PDB file of N, CA and C in Angstrom:
ATOM      1  N   MET A   1     157.718 146.642  68.697  1.00  0.00           N
ATOM      2  CA  MET A   1     158.501 145.897  69.714  1.00  0.00           C
ATOM      3  C   MET A   1     158.244 146.315  71.054  1.00  0.00           C
ATOM      4  N   SER A   2     158.126 144.943  71.978  1.00  0.00           N
ATOM      5  CA  SER A   2     157.870 145.211  73.321  1.00  0.00           C
ATOM      6  C   SER A   2     158.982 145.610  74.109  1.00  0.00           C
ATOM      7  N   ASP A   3     158.541 146.260  75.197  1.00  0.00           N
ATOM      8  CA  ASP A   3     159.744 146.682  75.991  1.00  0.00           C
ATOM      9  C   ASP A   3     160.796 145.943  76.189  1.00  0.00           C
ATOM     10  N   PRO A   4     162.115 146.544  76.057  1.00  0.00           N
ATOM     11  CA  PRO A   4     163.442 145.565  76.130  1.00  0.00           C
ATOM     12  C   PRO A   4     163.793 145.361  77.284  1.00  0.00           C
ATOM     13  N   ILE A   5     163.384 146.078  78.430  1.00  0.00           N
ATOM     14  CA  ILE A   5     163.594 145.546  79.607  1.00  0.00           C
ATOM     15  C   ILE A   5     162.848 144.288  80.197  1.00  0.00           C
ATOM     16  N   SER A   6     161.585 144.248  79.780  1.00  0.00           N
ATOM     17  CA  SER A   6     160.872 143.101  80.194  1.00  0.00           C
ATOM     18  C   SER A   6     161.263 141.996  79.257  1.00  0.00           C
ATOM     19  N   ILE A   7     161.572 142.011  78.140  1.00  0.00           N
ATOM     20  CA  ILE A   7     162.358 140.852  77.323  1.00  0.00           C
ATOM     21  C   ILE A   7     163.741 140.813  77.905  1.00  0.00           C
ATOM     22  N   PHE A   8     164.302 141.513  78.350  1.00  0.00           N
ATOM     23  CA  PHE A   8     165.837 140.985  78.980  1.00  0.00           C
ATOM     24  C   PHE A   8     165.385 140.126  80.257  1.00  0.00           C
ATOM     25  N   PHE A   9     164.406 140.680  81.160  1.00  0.00           N
ATOM     26  CA  PHE A   9     164.163 139.947  82.205  1.00  0.00           C
ATOM     27  C   PHE A   9     163.467 138.562  82.082  1.00  0.00           C
ATOM     28  N   GLU A  10     162.589 138.396  80.953  1.00  0.00           N
ATOM     29  CA  GLU A  10     162.323 137.005  80.433  1.00  0.00           C
ATOM     30  C   GLU A  10     163.206 136.016  80.272  1.00  0.00           C
ATOM     31  N   ALA A  11     164.572 136.360  79.865  1.00  0.00           N
ATOM     32  CA  ALA A  11     165.716 135.619  79.605  1.00  0.00           C
ATOM     33  C   ALA A  11     166.207 134.760  80.814  1.00  0.00           C
ATOM     34  N   TRP A  12     165.914 135.752  82.010  1.00  0.00           N
ATOM     35  CA  TRP A  12     166.356 135.052  83.326  1.00  0.00           C
ATOM     36  C   TRP A  12     165.805 133.522  83.636  1.00  0.00           C
ATOM     37  N   GLN A  13     164.655 133.159  82.827  1.00  0.00           N
ATOM     38  CA  GLN A  13     164.173 131.887  83.508  1.00  0.00           C
ATOM     39  C   GLN A  13     164.166 130.850  82.005  1.00  0.00           C
ATOM     40  N   ILE A  14     165.148 131.281  81.288  1.00  0.00           N
ATOM     41  CA  ILE A  14     165.176 130.484  80.017  1.00  0.00           C
ATOM     42  C   ILE A  14     166.516 129.647  80.296  1.00  0.00           C
ATOM     43  N   GLU A  15     166.600 128.159  80.328  1.00  0.00           N
ATOM     44  CA  GLU A  15     167.413 127.392  80.559  1.00  0.00           C
ATOM     45  C   GLU A  15     168.256 126.928  79.547  1.00  0.00           C
ATOM     46  N   ASP A  16     167.609 126.900  78.161  1.00  0.00           N
ATOM     47  CA  ASP A  16     168.217 126.821  76.885  1.00  0.00           C
ATOM     48  C   ASP A  16     169.072 128.117  76.415  1.00  0.00           C
ATOM     49  N   ALA A  17     170.292 127.639  76.336  1.00  0.00           N
ATOM     50  CA  ALA A  17     171.244 128.660  76.019  1.00  0.00           C
ATOM     51  C   ALA A  17     171.030 129.681  74.932  1.00  0.00           C
ATOM     52  N   LYS A  18     170.844 129.059  73.769  1.00  0.00           N
ATOM     53  CA  LYS A  18     170.474 129.488  72.601  1.00  0.00           C
ATOM     54  C   LYS A  18     169.344 130.338  72.543  1.00  0.00           C
ATOM     55  N   LYS A  19     167.867 129.803  73.299  1.00  0.00           N
ATOM     56  CA  LYS A  19     166.974 130.767  73.533  1.00  0.00           C
ATOM     57  C   LYS A  19     167.180 132.089  74.273  1.00  0.00           C
ATOM     58  N   ARG A  20     168.056 131.750  75.362  1.00  0.00           N
ATOM     59  CA  ARG A  20     168.096 132.745  76.391  1.00  0.00           C
ATOM     60  C   ARG A  20     169.207 133.965  75.557  1.00  0.00           C
ATOM     61  N   LEU A  21     169.963 133.478  74.773  1.00  0.00           N
ATOM     62  CA  LEU A  21     171.062 134.372  73.807  1.00  0.00           C
ATOM     63  C   LEU A  21     170.034 135.303  73.030  1.00  0.00           C
ATOM     64  N   GLU A  22     168.927 134.532  72.375  1.00  0.00           N
ATOM     65  CA  GLU A  22     168.047 135.195  71.514  1.00  0.00           C
ATOM     66  C   GLU A  22     167.504 136.306  71.964  1.00  0.00           C
ATOM     67  N   LYS A  23     166.869 136.132  73.211  1.00  0.00           N
ATOM     68  CA  LYS A  23     166.189 137.137  74.052  1.00  0.00           C
ATOM     69  C   LYS A  23     167.120 138.319  74.489  1.00  0.00           C
ATOM     70  N   ILE A  24     168.277 138.024  75.114  1.00  0.00           N
ATOM     71  CA  ILE A  24     169.126 139.083  75.542  1.00  0.00           C
ATOM     72  C   ILE A  24     169.631 140.031  74.137  1.00  0.00           C
ATOM     73  N   THR A  25     169.641 139.216  73.047  1.00  0.00           N
ATOM     74  CA  THR A  25     170.110 139.929  71.593  1.00  0.00           C
ATOM     75  C   THR A  25     168.942 140.675  71.464  1.00  0.00           C
ATOM     76  N   GLN A  26     167.765 140.530  71.561  1.00  0.00           N
ATOM     77  CA  GLN A  26     166.476 141.386  71.163  1.00  0.00           C
ATOM     78  C   GLN A  26     166.470 142.534  72.013  1.00  0.00           C
ATOM     79  N   SER A  27     166.948 142.442  73.209  1.00  0.00           N
ATOM     80  CA  SER A  27     166.775 143.560  74.231  1.00  0.00           C
ATOM     81  C   SER A  27     168.038 144.236  74.330  1.00  0.00           C
ATOM     82  N   SER A  28     169.163 143.921  74.099  1.00  0.00           N
ATOM     83  CA  SER A  28     170.353 144.641  74.299  1.00  0.00           C
ATOM     84  C   SER A  28     171.345 144.836  73.275  1.00  0.00           C
ATOM     85  N   ALA A  29     171.968 145.968  73.532  1.00  0.00           N
ATOM     86  CA  ALA A  29     173.022 146.563  72.666  1.00  0.00           C
ATOM     87  C   ALA A  29     174.127 145.670  72.592  1.00  0.00           C
ATOM     88  N   GLU A  30     174.982 145.492  71.283  1.00  0.00           N
ATOM     89  CA  GLU A  30     175.735 144.546  71.537  1.00  0.00           C
ATOM     90  C   GLU A  30     177.052 144.860  72.443  1.00  0.00           C
ATOM     91  N   ASP A  31     177.243 146.011  72.769  1.00  0.00           N
ATOM     92  CA  ASP A  31     178.269 146.132  73.817  1.00  0.00           C
ATOM     93  C   ASP A  31     177.854 146.628  75.126  1.00  0.00           C
ATOM     94  N   ILE A  32     176.564 145.958  75.479  1.00  0.00           N
ATOM     95  CA  ILE A  32     176.134 146.208  76.674  1.00  0.00           C
ATOM     96  C   ILE A  32     177.161 146.118  77.909  1.00  0.00           C
ATOM     97  N   GLN A  33     176.886 147.062  79.027  1.00  0.00           N
ATOM     98  CA  GLN A  33     177.552 146.970  80.160  1.00  0.00           C
ATOM     99  C   GLN A  33     176.807 146.602  81.126  1.00  0.00           C
ATOM    100  N   TYR A  34     176.955 145.665  82.166  1.00  0.00           N
ATOM    101  CA  TYR A  34     176.093 145.081  83.238  1.00  0.00           C
ATOM    102  C   TYR A  34     177.106 144.820  84.686  1.00  0.00           C
ATOM    103  N   LYS A  35     176.325 145.439  85.527  1.00  0.00           N
ATOM    104  CA  LYS A  35     177.004 145.209  86.728  1.00  0.00           C
ATOM    105  C   LYS A  35     176.096 145.221  87.960  1.00  0.00           C
ATOM    106  N   ASP A  36     176.301 144.082  88.791  1.00  0.00           N
ATOM    107  CA  ASP A  36     175.617 143.869  90.126  1.00  0.00           C
ATOM    108  C   ASP A  36     176.278 143.252  91.224  1.00  0.00           C
ATOM    109  N   PRO A  37     175.688 143.134  92.264  1.00  0.00           N
ATOM    110  CA  PRO A  37     176.759 142.760  93.596  1.00  0.00           C
ATOM    111  C   PRO A  37     177.432 141.391  93.255  1.00  0.00           C
ATOM    112  N   ARG A  38     176.716 140.658  92.376  1.00  0.00           N
ATOM    113  CA  ARG A  38     177.414 139.195  92.165  1.00  0.00           C
ATOM    114  C   ARG A  38     178.313 139.218  90.921  1.00  0.00           C
ATOM    115  N   THR A  39     178.732 140.398  90.488  1.00  0.00           N
ATOM    116  CA  THR A  39     179.781 140.316  89.306  1.00  0.00           C
ATOM    117  C   THR A  39     180.876 141.029  89.760  1.00  0.00           C
ATOM    118  N   PRO A  40     182.009 140.454  89.915  1.00  0.00           N
ATOM    119  CA  PRO A  40     183.136 141.320  90.264  1.00  0.00           C
ATOM    120  C   PRO A  40     183.805 142.294  89.446  1.00  0.00           C
ATOM    121  N   ASN A  41     183.332 142.111  88.404  1.00  0.00           N
ATOM    122  CA  ASN A  41     183.822 143.227  87.067  1.00  0.00           C
ATOM    123  C   ASN A  41     182.686 143.527  86.437  1.00  0.00           C
ATOM    124  N   THR A  42     182.687 144.550  85.683  1.00  0.00           N
ATOM    125  CA  THR A  42     181.538 144.909  84.926  1.00  0.00           C
ATOM    126  C   THR A  42     181.293 143.965  83.561  1.00  0.00           C
ATOM    127  N   LEU A  43     180.281 143.204  83.437  1.00  0.00           N
ATOM    128  CA  LEU A  43     180.320 142.573  82.218  1.00  0.00           C
ATOM    129  C   LEU A  43     180.165 143.375  80.873  1.00  0.00           C
ATOM    130  N   VAL A  44     180.781 142.875  79.925  1.00  0.00           N
ATOM    131  CA  VAL A  44     180.649 143.506  78.626  1.00  0.00           C
ATOM    132  C   VAL A  44     180.342 142.765  77.503  1.00  0.00           C
ATOM    133  N   GLY A  45     179.265 142.917  76.855  1.00  0.00           N
ATOM    134  CA  GLY A  45     178.809 142.113  75.637  1.00  0.00           C
ATOM    135  C   GLY A  45     177.647 141.364  75.742  1.00  0.00           C
ATOM    136  N   ILE A  46     176.901 141.034  74.922  1.00  0.00           N
ATOM    137  CA  ILE A  46     175.973 140.149  75.036  1.00  0.00           C
ATOM    138  C   ILE A  46     176.277 138.736  75.500  1.00  0.00           C
ATOM    139  N   ASP A  47     177.436 138.182  74.844  1.00  0.00           N
ATOM    140  CA  ASP A  47     177.677 136.801  75.046  1.00  0.00           C
ATOM    141  C   ASP A  47     178.002 136.629  76.674  1.00  0.00           C
ATOM    142  N   ALA A  48     178.774 137.593  77.436  1.00  0.00           N
ATOM    143  CA  ALA A  48     178.939 137.553  78.824  1.00  0.00           C
ATOM    144  C   ALA A  48     177.817 137.754  79.517  1.00  0.00           C
ATOM    145  N   LEU A  49     177.114 138.558  78.944  1.00  0.00           N
ATOM    146  CA  LEU A  49     175.690 139.010  79.927  1.00  0.00           C
ATOM    147  C   LEU A  49     174.829 137.453  79.739  1.00  0.00           C
ATOM    148  N   SER A  50     174.755 136.758  78.718  1.00  0.00           N
ATOM    149  CA  SER A  50     173.992 135.547  78.568  1.00  0.00           C
ATOM    150  C   SER A  50     174.509 134.476  79.374  1.00  0.00           C
ATOM    151  N   GLU A  51     175.733 134.279  79.279  1.00  0.00           N
ATOM    152  CA  GLU A  51     176.479 133.370  80.270  1.00  0.00           C
ATOM    153  C   GLU A  51     176.119 133.593  81.560  1.00  0.00           C
ATOM    154  N   TYR A  52     176.233 134.856  82.110  1.00  0.00           N
ATOM    155  CA  TYR A  52     175.848 135.285  83.627  1.00  0.00           C
ATOM    156  C   TYR A  52     174.479 134.778  83.978  1.00  0.00           C
ATOM    157  N   VAL A  53     173.747 135.371  83.118  1.00  0.00           N
ATOM    158  CA  VAL A  53     172.190 134.961  83.277  1.00  0.00           C
ATOM    159  C   VAL A  53     171.728 133.611  83.216  1.00  0.00           C
ATOM    160  N   GLY A  54     172.780 132.742  82.587  1.00  0.00           N
ATOM    161  CA  GLY A  54     172.616 131.170  82.514  1.00  0.00           C
ATOM    162  C   GLY A  54     172.921 130.791  83.799  1.00  0.00           C
ATOM    163  N   ILE A  55     173.722 131.405  84.718  1.00  0.00           N
ATOM    164  CA  ILE A  55     174.114 130.971  85.747  1.00  0.00           C
ATOM    165  C   ILE A  55     172.905 130.965  86.748  1.00  0.00           C
ATOM    166  N   PHE A  56     172.123 132.147  86.877  1.00  0.00           N
ATOM    167  CA  PHE A  56     170.841 132.199  87.504  1.00  0.00           C
ATOM    168  C   PHE A  56     170.098 131.106  87.244  1.00  0.00           C
ATOM    169  N   SER A  57     169.711 130.797  85.937  1.00  0.00           N
ATOM    170  CA  SER A  57     168.669 129.791  85.442  1.00  0.00           C
ATOM    171  C   SER A  57     169.037 128.471  85.914  1.00  0.00           C
ATOM    172  N   ALA A  58     170.414 128.172  85.894  1.00  0.00           N
ATOM    173  CA  ALA A  58     170.870 126.869  86.186  1.00  0.00           C
ATOM    174  C   ALA A  58     170.935 126.631  87.643  1.00  0.00           C
ATOM    175  N   ASN A  59     170.991 127.717  88.690  1.00  0.00           N
ATOM    176  CA  ASN A  59     171.093 127.629  90.064  1.00  0.00           C
ATOM    177  C   ASN A  59     169.761 127.824  90.679  1.00  0.00           C
ATOM    178  N   ALA A  60     168.849 128.201  89.939  1.00  0.00           N
ATOM    179  CA  ALA A  60     167.304 128.609  90.538  1.00  0.00           C
ATOM    180  C   ALA A  60     166.521 128.063  89.326  1.00  0.00           C
ATOM    181  N   PRO A  61     166.356 126.713  88.977  1.00  0.00           N
ATOM    182  CA  PRO A  61     165.542 126.322  88.265  1.00  0.00           C
ATOM    183  C   PRO A  61     163.977 126.551  88.722  1.00  0.00           C
ATOM    184  N   GLY A  62     163.185 126.800  87.591  1.00  0.00           N
ATOM    185  CA  GLY A  62     161.559 127.378  87.881  1.00  0.00           C
ATOM    186  C   GLY A  62     161.459 128.467  88.310  1.00  0.00           C
ATOM    187  N   TRP A  63     162.592 129.334  88.645  1.00  0.00           N
ATOM    188  CA  TRP A  63     162.363 130.748  89.232  1.00  0.00           C
ATOM    189  C   TRP A  63     161.982 131.650  87.938  1.00  0.00           C
ATOM    190  N   SER A  64     161.397 132.895  88.009  1.00  0.00           N
ATOM    191  CA  SER A  64     161.324 133.646  87.162  1.00  0.00           C
ATOM    192  C   SER A  64     161.791 135.125  87.866  1.00  0.00           C
ATOM    193  N   ALA A  65     161.930 136.034  86.758  1.00  0.00           N
ATOM    194  CA  ALA A  65     162.231 137.385  87.074  1.00  0.00           C
ATOM    195  C   ALA A  65     161.267 138.264  86.276  1.00  0.00           C
ATOM    196  N   ASN A  66     160.514 139.011  87.116  1.00  0.00           N
ATOM    197  CA  ASN A  66     159.476 139.897  86.248  1.00  0.00           C
ATOM    198  C   ASN A  66     159.564 141.281  86.712  1.00  0.00           C
ATOM    199  N   VAL A  67     159.387 142.083  85.761  1.00  0.00           N
ATOM    200  CA  VAL A  67     159.381 143.652  86.067  1.00  0.00           C
ATOM    201  C   VAL A  67     158.163 144.100  87.002  1.00  0.00           C
ATOM    202  N   VAL A  68     158.182 144.505  88.195  1.00  0.00           N
ATOM    203  CA  VAL A  68     156.905 145.068  88.688  1.00  0.00           C
ATOM    204  C   VAL A  68     156.794 146.144  88.643  1.00  0.00           C
ATOM    205  N   LYS A  69     157.582 147.202  88.659  1.00  0.00           N
ATOM    206  CA  LYS A  69     157.485 148.875  88.493  1.00  0.00           C
ATOM    207  C   LYS A  69     158.734 149.295  87.737  1.00  0.00           C
ATOM    208  N   SER A  70     158.254 150.508  87.185  1.00  0.00           N
ATOM    209  CA  SER A  70     159.351 150.954  86.217  1.00  0.00           C
ATOM    210  C   SER A  70     159.156 152.533  85.977  1.00  0.00           C
ATOM    211  N   ASP A  71     160.041 153.529  86.115  1.00  0.00           N
ATOM    212  CA  ASP A  71     159.783 154.694  85.819  1.00  0.00           C
ATOM    213  C   ASP A  71     161.129 155.233  84.962  1.00  0.00           C
ATOM    214  N   THR A  72     161.036 156.410  84.234  1.00  0.00           N
ATOM    215  CA  THR A  72     161.968 156.925  83.508  1.00  0.00           C
ATOM    216  C   THR A  72     162.093 158.361  83.697  1.00  0.00           C
ATOM    217  N   ILE A  73     163.115 158.935  84.079  1.00  0.00           N
ATOM    218  CA  ILE A  73     163.489 160.343  83.985  1.00  0.00           C
ATOM    219  C   ILE A  73     164.610 160.533  82.751  1.00  0.00           C
ATOM    220  N   GLY A  74     164.390 161.453  82.305  1.00  0.00           N
ATOM    221  CA  GLY A  74     165.561 161.786  81.095  1.00  0.00           C
ATOM    222  C   GLY A  74     166.109 160.372  80.377  1.00  0.00           C
ATOM    223  N   GLU A  75     167.203 160.113  80.635  1.00  0.00           N
ATOM    224  CA  GLU A  75     167.587 158.857  79.813  1.00  0.00           C
ATOM    225  C   GLU A  75     167.732 157.559  80.740  1.00  0.00           C
ATOM    226  N   MET A  76     167.430 157.703  82.119  1.00  0.00           N
ATOM    227  CA  MET A  76     167.660 156.845  82.928  1.00  0.00           C
ATOM    228  C   MET A  76     166.172 156.176  83.371  1.00  0.00           C
ATOM    229  N   THR A  77     166.194 154.702  83.364  1.00  0.00           N
ATOM    230  CA  THR A  77     165.066 154.011  83.900  1.00  0.00           C
ATOM    231  C   THR A  77     165.601 153.316  85.193  1.00  0.00           C
ATOM    232  N   ARG A  78     164.473 153.505  86.066  1.00  0.00           N
ATOM    233  CA  ARG A  78     164.785 152.594  87.349  1.00  0.00           C
ATOM    234  C   ARG A  78     163.651 151.581  87.389  1.00  0.00           C
ATOM    235  N   THR A  79     164.142 150.324  87.599  1.00  0.00           N
ATOM    236  CA  THR A  79     163.000 149.240  87.510  1.00  0.00           C
ATOM    237  C   THR A  79     163.147 148.253  88.918  1.00  0.00           C
ATOM    238  N   THR A  80     162.075 147.975  89.232  1.00  0.00           N
ATOM    239  CA  THR A  80     161.965 146.949  90.008  1.00  0.00           C
ATOM    240  C   THR A  80     161.514 145.688  89.668  1.00  0.00           C
ATOM    241  N   VAL A  81     162.333 144.725  89.966  1.00  0.00           N
ATOM    242  CA  VAL A  81     162.360 143.176  89.444  1.00  0.00           C
ATOM    243  C   VAL A  81     161.962 142.464  90.622  1.00  0.00           C
ATOM    244  N   ALA A  82     161.037 141.290  90.841  1.00  0.00           N
ATOM    245  CA  ALA A  82     160.825 140.521  91.575  1.00  0.00           C
ATOM    246  C   ALA A  82     161.050 139.046  90.928  1.00  0.00           C
ATOM    247  N   PHE A  83     162.353 138.457  91.702  1.00  0.00           N
ATOM    248  CA  PHE A  83     162.850 137.113  91.510  1.00  0.00           C
ATOM    249  C   PHE A  83     162.045 136.310  92.541  1.00  0.00           C
ATOM    250  N   SER A  84     161.305 135.341  91.745  1.00  0.00           N
ATOM    251  CA  SER A  84     160.439 134.415  92.756  1.00  0.00           C
ATOM    252  C   SER A  84     160.661 132.813  92.130  1.00  0.00           C
ATOM    253  N   GLY A  85     160.308 132.105  93.211  1.00  0.00           N
ATOM    254  CA  GLY A  85     160.219 130.738  92.732  1.00  0.00           C
ATOM    255  C   GLY A  85     160.181 129.827  94.283  1.00  0.00           C
ATOM    256  N   LEU A  86     160.439 128.741  94.108  1.00  0.00           N
ATOM    257  CA  LEU A  86     160.211 127.924  95.497  1.00  0.00           C
ATOM    258  C   LEU A  86     161.651 127.740  96.055  1.00  0.00           C
ATOM    259  N   GLY A  87     161.741 128.103  97.498  1.00  0.00           N
ATOM    260  CA  GLY A  87     162.967 128.321  98.252  1.00  0.00           C
ATOM    261  C   GLY A  87     163.387 126.793  98.624  1.00  0.00           C
ATOM    262  N   PRO A  88     164.410 126.729  99.229  1.00  0.00           N
ATOM    263  CA  PRO A  88     164.913 125.249  99.796  1.00  0.00           C
ATOM    264  C   PRO A  88     163.830 124.426 100.480  1.00  0.00           C
ATOM    265  N   ASP A  89     163.108 125.140 101.091  1.00  0.00           N
ATOM    266  CA  ASP A  89     162.103 124.623 102.111  1.00  0.00           C
ATOM    267  C   ASP A  89     160.784 124.208 100.976  1.00  0.00           C
ATOM    268  N   GLY A  90     160.717 124.553  99.953  1.00  0.00           N
ATOM    269  CA  GLY A  90     159.230 124.336  99.185  1.00  0.00           C
ATOM    270  C   GLY A  90     158.480 125.325  99.360  1.00  0.00           C
ATOM    271  N   SER A  91     158.847 126.513  99.967  1.00  0.00           N
ATOM    272  CA  SER A  91     157.780 127.434  99.918  1.00  0.00           C
ATOM    273  C   SER A  91     158.047 128.550  98.898  1.00  0.00           C
ATOM    274  N   LYS A  92     157.221 129.015  98.345  1.00  0.00           N
ATOM    275  CA  LYS A  92     157.328 130.359  97.403  1.00  0.00           C
ATOM    276  C   LYS A  92     158.164 131.496  98.036  1.00  0.00           C
ATOM    277  N   THR A  93     159.123 131.799  97.391  1.00  0.00           N
ATOM    278  CA  THR A  93     160.113 132.794  97.712  1.00  0.00           C
ATOM    279  C   THR A  93     160.238 133.990  96.909  1.00  0.00           C
ATOM    280  N   VAL A  94     160.251 135.484  97.331  1.00  0.00           N
ATOM    281  CA  VAL A  94     160.244 136.455  96.414  1.00  0.00           C
ATOM    282  C   VAL A  94     161.446 137.379  96.930  1.00  0.00           C
ATOM    283  N   GLN A  95     162.381 137.626  96.063  1.00  0.00           N
ATOM    284  CA  GLN A  95     163.438 138.464  96.413  1.00  0.00           C
ATOM    285  C   GLN A  95     163.220 139.776  95.420  1.00  0.00           C
ATOM    286  N   HIS A  96     163.515 140.873  95.633  1.00  0.00           N
ATOM    287  CA  HIS A  96     163.453 142.342  94.911  1.00  0.00           C
ATOM    288  C   HIS A  96     164.835 142.619  94.398  1.00  0.00           C
ATOM    289  N   GLY A  97     165.016 143.084  93.171  1.00  0.00           N
ATOM    290  CA  GLY A  97     166.162 143.868  92.918  1.00  0.00           C
ATOM    291  C   GLY A  97     165.659 144.959  92.296  1.00  0.00           C
ATOM    292  N   GLN A  98     166.592 146.023  92.399  1.00  0.00           N
ATOM    293  CA  GLN A  98     166.353 147.267  91.469  1.00  0.00           C
ATOM    294  C   GLN A  98     167.465 147.691  90.640  1.00  0.00           C
ATOM    295  N   TYR A  99     167.226 148.015  89.368  1.00  0.00           N
ATOM    296  CA  TYR A  99     167.865 148.234  88.451  1.00  0.00           C
ATOM    297  C   TYR A  99     168.079 149.759  87.736  1.00  0.00           C
ATOM    298  N   PHE A 100     169.040 150.309  87.620  1.00  0.00           N
ATOM    299  CA  PHE A 100     169.133 151.442  86.872  1.00  0.00           C
ATOM    300  C   PHE A 100     169.586 151.339  85.444  1.00  0.00           C
ATOM    301  N   ILE A 101     169.055 151.582  84.339  1.00  0.00           N
ATOM    302  CA  ILE A 101     169.223 151.240  83.044  1.00  0.00           C
ATOM    303  C   ILE A 101     169.313 152.525  81.955  1.00  0.00           C
ATOM    304  N   GLU A 102     170.207 152.424  81.218  1.00  0.00           N
ATOM    305  CA  GLU A 102     170.323 153.301  79.999  1.00  0.00           C
ATOM    306  C   GLU A 102     170.143 152.544  78.680  1.00  0.00           C
ATOM    307  N   LYS A 103     169.262 153.168  77.943  1.00  0.00           N
ATOM    308  CA  LYS A 103     169.001 152.715  76.364  1.00  0.00           C
ATOM    309  C   LYS A 103     169.591 153.444  75.346  1.00  0.00           C
ATOM    310  N   HIS A 104     169.956 152.749  74.401  1.00  0.00           N
ATOM    311  CA  HIS A 104     170.541 153.562  73.071  1.00  0.00           C
ATOM    312  C   HIS A 104     169.679 152.757  72.037  1.00  0.00           C
ATOM    313  N   ASN A 105     169.076 153.739  71.301  1.00  0.00           N
ATOM    314  CA  ASN A 105     168.330 153.157  70.098  1.00  0.00           C
ATOM    315  C   ASN A 105     167.509 152.023  70.445  1.00  0.00           C
ATOM    316  N   ASP A 106     166.641 152.181  71.683  1.00  0.00           N
ATOM    317  CA  ASP A 106     165.692 151.443  72.300  1.00  0.00           C
ATOM    318  C   ASP A 106     166.319 149.834  72.535  1.00  0.00           C
ATOM    319  N   LEU A 107     167.566 149.856  72.654  1.00  0.00           N
ATOM    320  CA  LEU A 107     168.273 148.803  73.367  1.00  0.00           C
ATOM    321  C   LEU A 107     168.988 149.023  74.659  1.00  0.00           C
ATOM    322  N   ILE A 108     168.794 147.930  75.458  1.00  0.00           N
ATOM    323  CA  ILE A 108     169.547 148.450  76.678  1.00  0.00           C
ATOM    324  C   ILE A 108     171.023 148.388  76.386  1.00  0.00           C
ATOM    325  N   SER A 109     171.742 149.593  77.220  1.00  0.00           N
ATOM    326  CA  SER A 109     172.987 149.842  76.748  1.00  0.00           C
ATOM    327  C   SER A 109     174.082 149.954  77.885  1.00  0.00           C
ATOM    328  N   ARG A 110     173.375 150.086  78.999  1.00  0.00           N
ATOM    329  CA  ARG A 110     174.055 149.897  80.561  1.00  0.00           C
ATOM    330  C   ARG A 110     173.078 149.672  81.661  1.00  0.00           C
ATOM    331  N   MET A 111     173.494 148.959  82.480  1.00  0.00           N
ATOM    332  CA  MET A 111     172.547 148.346  83.520  1.00  0.00           C
ATOM    333  C   MET A 111     173.201 148.343  84.780  1.00  0.00           C
ATOM    334  N   TYR A 112     172.785 148.712  86.018  1.00  0.00           N
ATOM    335  CA  TYR A 112     173.414 148.463  87.197  1.00  0.00           C
ATOM    336  C   TYR A 112     172.419 148.032  88.089  1.00  0.00           C
ATOM    337  N   GLY A 113     172.835 146.814  88.899  1.00  0.00           N
ATOM    338  CA  GLY A 113     171.620 146.323  89.541  1.00  0.00           C
ATOM    339  C   GLY A 113     172.100 146.244  90.976  1.00  0.00           C
ATOM    340  N   PHE A 114     170.883 146.266  91.995  1.00  0.00           N
ATOM    341  CA  PHE A 114     171.210 146.379  93.350  1.00  0.00           C
ATOM    342  C   PHE A 114     170.361 145.450  94.115  1.00  0.00           C
ATOM    343  N   VAL A 115     170.759 144.839  95.046  1.00  0.00           N
ATOM    344  CA  VAL A 115     169.876 143.839  96.041  1.00  0.00           C
ATOM    345  C   VAL A 115     169.078 144.511  96.763  1.00  0.00           C
ATOM    346  N   GLY A 116     167.461 144.237  96.758  1.00  0.00           N
ATOM    347  CA  GLY A 116     166.659 145.115  97.482  1.00  0.00           C
ATOM    348  C   GLY A 116     166.146 146.351  96.682  1.00  0.00           C
ATOM    349  N   THR A 117     165.466 147.071  97.302  1.00  0.00           N
ATOM    350  CA  THR A 117     164.882 148.329  96.804  1.00  0.00           C
ATOM    351  C   THR A 117     165.228 149.491  97.437  1.00  0.00           C
ATOM    352  N   GLY A 118     166.314 149.384  98.158  1.00  0.00           N
ATOM    353  CA  GLY A 118     166.572 150.718  99.043  1.00  0.00           C
ATOM    354  C   GLY A 118     165.684 150.658  99.980  1.00  0.00           C
ATOM    355  N   GLU A 119     164.437 150.218 100.426  1.00  0.00           N
ATOM    356  CA  GLU A 119     163.573 150.313 101.541  1.00  0.00           C
ATOM    357  C   GLU A 119     163.862 149.513 102.600  1.00  0.00           C
ATOM    358  N   PRO A 120     163.843 150.026 103.733  1.00  0.00           N
ATOM    359  CA  PRO A 120     164.186 149.292 105.241  1.00  0.00           C
ATOM    360  C   PRO A 120     163.233 147.970 105.180  1.00  0.00           C
ATOM    361  N   ASP A 121     163.697 146.899 105.435  1.00  0.00           N
ATOM    362  CA  ASP A 121     163.208 145.739 105.815  1.00  0.00           C
ATOM    363  C   ASP A 121     162.029 145.574 106.741  1.00  0.00           C
TER     364      ASP A 121
END
């Protein structure tokens, strides 16, 4: 099986809801918990997460989300993701996010995302 974190972020560029749900199901525990600055509450479950990821793909068509680096200590994985695509002015834009991820039985069980990487601009 491929890395569940990479599989999960592949789902961010899939506009078809059924295919997106399949990717998230391949990578995530049924009761996954997800939180980032754009979620007012923690999302729980694959369906809620797939719906949220669908908002990204609908609002940023053609954009991708790719893991650029990842490291693990104990049960926690820190992952940096590059979100990239064409900006409103037509130029390529890249925004980074950092995620802290726990897995259970090789599926993502909990994920917290942050804007940026914590480095000064």
